[in-house]
Every structure is written in C-alpha cells, then in structure tokens.
C-alpha atoms as a PDB file:
ATOM      1  CA  ILE A   1     137.182  20.021  75.667  1.00  0.00           C
ATOM      2  CA  CYS A   2     138.045  23.448  77.079  1.00  0.00           C
ATOM      3  CA  ASP A   3     141.279  24.554  75.380  1.00  0.00           C
ATOM      4  CA  SER A   4     141.385  25.718  71.758  1.00  0.00           C
ATOM      5  CA  SER A   5     144.556  23.700  71.062  1.00  0.00           C
ATOM      6  CA  LEU A   6     142.935  20.540  72.398  1.00  0.00           C
ATOM      7  CA  ILE A   7     139.731  21.268  70.479  1.00  0.00           C
ATOM      8  CA  LEU A   8     141.715  21.728  67.277  1.00  0.00           C
ATOM      9  CA  LYS A   9     143.680  18.535  67.883  1.00  0.00           C
ATOM     10  CA  PHE A  10     140.396  16.665  68.416  1.00  0.00           C
ATOM     11  CA  LEU A  11     138.874  18.107  65.203  1.00  0.00           C
ATOM     12  CA  LYS A  12     141.960  17.233  63.179  1.00  0.00           C
ATOM     13  CA  THR A  13     141.833  13.661  64.426  1.00  0.00           C
ATOM     14  CA  GLU A  14     138.064  13.289  64.176  1.00  0.00           C
ATOM     15  CA  PHE A  15     137.778  14.723  60.652  1.00  0.00           C
ATOM     16  CA  SER A  16     141.247  13.839  59.306  1.00  0.00           C
ATOM     17  CA  LEU A  17     142.182  17.485  58.775  1.00  0.00           C
ATOM     18  CA  PRO A  18     145.712  18.287  57.567  1.00  0.00           C
ATOM     19  CA  ASP A  19     148.244  19.452  60.109  1.00  0.00           C
ATOM     20  CA  GLU A  20     149.645  22.696  58.701  1.00  0.00           C
ATOM     21  CA  ALA A  21     152.701  24.369  60.177  1.00  0.00           C
ATOM     22  CA  LEU A  22     152.104  27.875  61.515  1.00  0.00           C
ATOM     23  CA  GLY A  23     155.643  29.121  61.174  1.00  0.00           C
ATOM     24  CA  GLU A  24     157.352  31.153  63.872  1.00  0.00           C
ATOM     25  CA  GLU A  25     155.285  34.307  63.374  1.00  0.00           C
ATOM     26  CA  GLY A  26     151.950  32.465  63.247  1.00  0.00           C
ATOM     27  CA  PHE A  27     152.865  30.436  66.309  1.00  0.00           C
ATOM     28  CA  SER A  28     153.741  33.654  68.182  1.00  0.00           C
ATOM     29  CA  TYR A  29     150.327  35.145  67.414  1.00  0.00           C
ATOM     30  CA  LYS A  30     148.589  31.947  68.454  1.00  0.00           C
ATOM     31  CA  VAL A  31     150.426  31.993  71.790  1.00  0.00           C
ATOM     32  CA  MET A  32     149.586  35.689  72.270  1.00  0.00           C
ATOM     33  CA  LEU A  33     145.904  34.927  71.715  1.00  0.00           C
ATOM     34  CA  GLU A  34     145.789  31.898  73.966  1.00  0.00           C
ATOM     35  CA  GLU A  35     148.134  33.000  76.745  1.00  0.00           C
ATOM     36  CA  SER A  36     147.630  36.772  76.953  1.00  0.00           C
ATOM     37  CA  PHE A  37     144.573  38.029  75.096  1.00  0.00           C
ATOM     38  CA  TYR A  38     142.453  35.342  76.779  1.00  0.00           C
ATOM     39  CA  PHE A  39     143.163  36.940  80.164  1.00  0.00           C
ATOM     40  CA  ILE A  40     142.351  40.415  78.842  1.00  0.00           C
ATOM     41  CA  LEU A  41     138.941  39.068  77.798  1.00  0.00           C
ATOM     42  CA  LEU A  42     138.563  37.348  81.166  1.00  0.00           C
ATOM     43  CA  TYR A  43     139.386  40.645  82.874  1.00  0.00           C
ATOM     44  CA  SER A  44     136.893  42.605  80.783  1.00  0.00           C
ATOM     45  CA  ARG A  45     134.087  40.137  81.503  1.00  0.00           C
ATOM     46  CA  TRP A  46     134.664  39.080  85.096  1.00  0.00           C
ATOM     47  CA  VAL A  47     137.014  41.513  86.895  1.00  0.00           C
ATOM     48  CA  ASP A  48     135.873  44.870  85.497  1.00  0.00           C
ATOM     49  CA  SER A  49     132.550  45.799  87.115  1.00  0.00           C
ATOM     50  CA  ALA A  50     130.966  47.048  83.871  1.00  0.00           C
ATOM     51  CA  GLY A  51     131.675  43.782  82.077  1.00  0.00           C
ATOM     52  CA  TYR A  52     130.680  41.723  85.070  1.00  0.00           C
ATOM     53  CA  ASN A  53     127.301  43.460  85.355  1.00  0.00           C
ATOM     54  CA  LYS A  54     126.563  42.483  81.734  1.00  0.00           C
ATOM     55  CA  ILE A  55     127.750  38.888  82.234  1.00  0.00           C
ATOM     56  CA  LYS A  56     125.799  38.606  85.477  1.00  0.00           C
ATOM     57  CA  THR A  57     122.612  39.774  83.784  1.00  0.00           C
ATOM     58  CA  ASP A  58     123.046  37.351  80.883  1.00  0.00           C
ATOM     59  CA  PHE A  59     124.228  34.316  82.855  1.00  0.00           C
ATOM     60  CA  CYS A  60     121.921  34.445  85.879  1.00  0.00           C
ATOM     61  CA  ASP A  61     119.024  33.364  83.674  1.00  0.00           C
ATOM     62  CA  LEU A  62     120.859  30.109  82.921  1.00  0.00           C
ATOM     63  CA  PHE A  63     120.412  28.956  86.520  1.00  0.00           C
ATOM     64  CA  LEU A  64     117.336  28.138  88.553  1.00  0.00           C
ATOM     65  CA  PRO A  65     115.718  31.194  90.144  1.00  0.00           C
ATOM     66  CA  LEU A  66     117.491  32.327  93.326  1.00  0.00           C
ATOM     67  CA  TYR A  67     120.645  30.339  92.472  1.00  0.00           C
ATOM     68  CA  GLY A  68     121.997  32.442  89.614  1.00  0.00           C
ATOM     69  CA  HIS A  69     123.518  35.286  91.627  1.00  0.00           C
ATOM     70  CA  PHE A  70     125.106  32.850  94.068  1.00  0.00           C
ATOM     71  CA  PHE A  71     126.773  30.695  91.399  1.00  0.00           C
ATOM     72  CA  ILE A  72     127.793  33.639  89.232  1.00  0.00           C
ATOM     73  CA  GLY A  73     129.398  35.188  92.321  1.00  0.00           C
ATOM     74  CA  LEU A  74     131.369  31.988  92.971  1.00  0.00           C
ATOM     75  CA  ILE A  75     132.478  31.831  89.350  1.00  0.00           C
ATOM     76  CA  ARG A  76     133.573  35.477  89.479  1.00  0.00           C
ATOM     77  CA  LYS A  77     135.618  34.967  92.655  1.00  0.00           C
ATOM     78  CA  SER A  78     137.363  31.991  91.083  1.00  0.00           C
ATOM     79  CA  LEU A  79     138.140  33.878  87.869  1.00  0.00           C
ATOM     80  CA  ILE A  80     139.387  36.939  89.762  1.00  0.00           C
ATOM     81  CA  ARG A  81     141.780  34.648  91.657  1.00  0.00           C
ATOM     82  CA  GLN A  82     142.884  33.164  88.327  1.00  0.00           C
ATOM     83  CA  ALA A  83     143.438  36.660  86.849  1.00  0.00           C
ATOM     84  CA  ASN A  84     145.443  37.709  89.913  1.00  0.00           C
ATOM     85  CA  LYS A  85     147.618  34.593  89.803  1.00  0.00           C
ATOM     86  CA  GLN A  86     148.294  35.158  86.102  1.00  0.00           C
ATOM     87  CA  GLY A  87     149.042  38.825  86.826  1.00  0.00           C
ATOM     88  CA  ILE A  88     146.504  40.696  84.680  1.00  0.00           C
ATOM     89  CA  GLY A  89     144.141  41.037  87.646  1.00  0.00           C
ATOM     90  CA  ARG A  90     146.657  43.272  89.436  1.00  0.00           C
ATOM     91  CA  PHE A  91     146.824  45.825  86.601  1.00  0.00           C
ATOM     92  CA  LEU A  92     144.786  48.999  86.427  1.00  0.00           C
ATOM     93  CA  ALA A  93     141.848  48.783  84.020  1.00  0.00           C
ATOM     94  CA  GLU A  94     143.467  51.395  81.762  1.00  0.00           C
ATOM     95  CA  GLU A  95     146.609  49.264  81.516  1.00  0.00           C
ATOM     96  CA  VAL A  96     144.657  46.112  80.691  1.00  0.00           C
ATOM     97  CA  TYR A  97     142.611  47.781  77.975  1.00  0.00           C
ATOM     98  CA  SER A  98     145.671  49.534  76.534  1.00  0.00           C
ATOM     99  CA  LEU A  99     147.406  46.163  76.252  1.00  0.00           C
ATOM    100  CA  GLY A 100     144.270  44.705  74.672  1.00  0.00           C
ATOM    101  CA  ARG A 101     144.138  47.498  72.076  1.00  0.00           C
ATOM    102  CA  GLU A 102     147.825  46.980  71.273  1.00  0.00           C
ATOM    103  CA  GLN A 103     147.318  43.252  70.788  1.00  0.00           C
ATOM    104  CA  LEU A 104     144.215  43.741  68.632  1.00  0.00           C
ATOM    105  CA  GLN A 105     146.079  46.280  66.485  1.00  0.00           C
ATOM    106  CA  CYS A 106     149.004  43.890  66.167  1.00  0.00           C
ATOM    107  CA  MET A 107     146.682  41.078  65.027  1.00  0.00           C
ATOM    108  CA  SER A 108     144.874  43.428  62.646  1.00  0.00           C
ATOM    109  CA  ASP A 109     148.175  44.542  61.122  1.00  0.00           C
ATOM    110  CA  PHE A 110     149.253  40.922  60.727  1.00  0.00           C
ATOM    111  CA  LEU A 111     145.949  40.016  59.067  1.00  0.00           C
ATOM    112  CA  GLY A 112     146.032  43.023  56.753  1.00  0.00           C
ATOM    113  CA  GLU A 113     144.059  42.266  53.588  1.00  0.00           C
ATOM    114  CA  LYS A 114     144.446  38.499  53.911  1.00  0.00           C
ATOM    115  CA  LYS A 115     141.347  36.346  54.060  1.00  0.00           C
ATOM    116  CA  PHE A 116     142.828  34.265  56.907  1.00  0.00           C
ATOM    117  CA  MET A 117     145.734  34.868  59.288  1.00  0.00           C
ATOM    118  CA  GLN A 118     148.113  32.683  57.245  1.00  0.00           C
ATOM    119  CA  GLY A 119     146.861  33.707  53.797  1.00  0.00           C
ATOM    120  CA  GLU A 120     144.123  32.163  51.674  1.00  0.00           C
ATOM    121  CA  ARG A 121     143.645  28.993  53.712  1.00  0.00           C
ATOM    122  CA  VAL A 122     142.358  28.577  57.226  1.00  0.00           C
ATOM    123  CA  SER A 123     145.015  27.446  59.712  1.00  0.00           C
ATOM    124  CA  ASP A 124     145.352  26.706  63.409  1.00  0.00           C
ATOM    125  CA  ILE A 125     145.670  30.364  64.352  1.00  0.00           C
ATOM    126  CA  ASP A 126     142.261  31.181  62.841  1.00  0.00           C
ATOM    127  CA  PHE A 127     140.637  28.731  65.249  1.00  0.00           C
ATOM    128  CA  SER A 128     142.314  30.459  68.185  1.00  0.00           C
ATOM    129  CA  PHE A 129     141.227  33.848  66.898  1.00  0.00           C
END
C-alpha cells in the first residue's frame, strides 16, 4: 500500500480503529502534507543534486553490484518527470525550499504545544505527518 490515506484506511479496518473526523482545518493540513509537502520532499531527494547524491549513495547498495547506478538513474528520471508534471520540478530550488519552510512553519504553528496535531489523541493527520 503506497498512499498514507490507503494505509490508514487499511489499519483502521484491520485493527478496528475508530474513524475520527479531522475537521476542516485538520483536513486542510492533511491535504497540504499529502499533496504539496510530499513533492517538496521528492524535489529535495531526487531533483536537487545535493539530495540526489545522498540518496544515490544510500540506495545503490540495495541493488546488485553494477546495477544500482542504472536503476537509481531510472528512478530519478521518472520522479523528475513526476515533479515536472506536478509543477514543483519547474521551480527554482530557492522557491521550493522557501515554500517548504513556510509549510513546516505553518504545521509547527498549528501543532503548538499540543501532543498531537488534533490535541491529546492521535488522529489521521498525525499518520500523514
């Protein structure tokens, strides 16, 4: 299962977890995390050369010798295409990271002193975060 919403739905069904409403504000943060911040992370890891060099070093060892660089290169090309189609891949690095900082600050402000994003109990948004 590759999407956090689908993973959460599976866990709720599998372990009979309660389905708690996020409210409008919580839902907005969840969407921001899943639909925008995800692509900022993708950009930082696969589009930006500094992030890619780290990922490449770490991931190449997961493949058979001589195959790692080839497969990591294919994965990168695919993810760059995905970032470009979504739009974030066409931004300047400074713009992407500025947006990322703004979103992190927004989430931090929303969290404040709370234990979890929605208060004292874990909710759907915490799984996305």
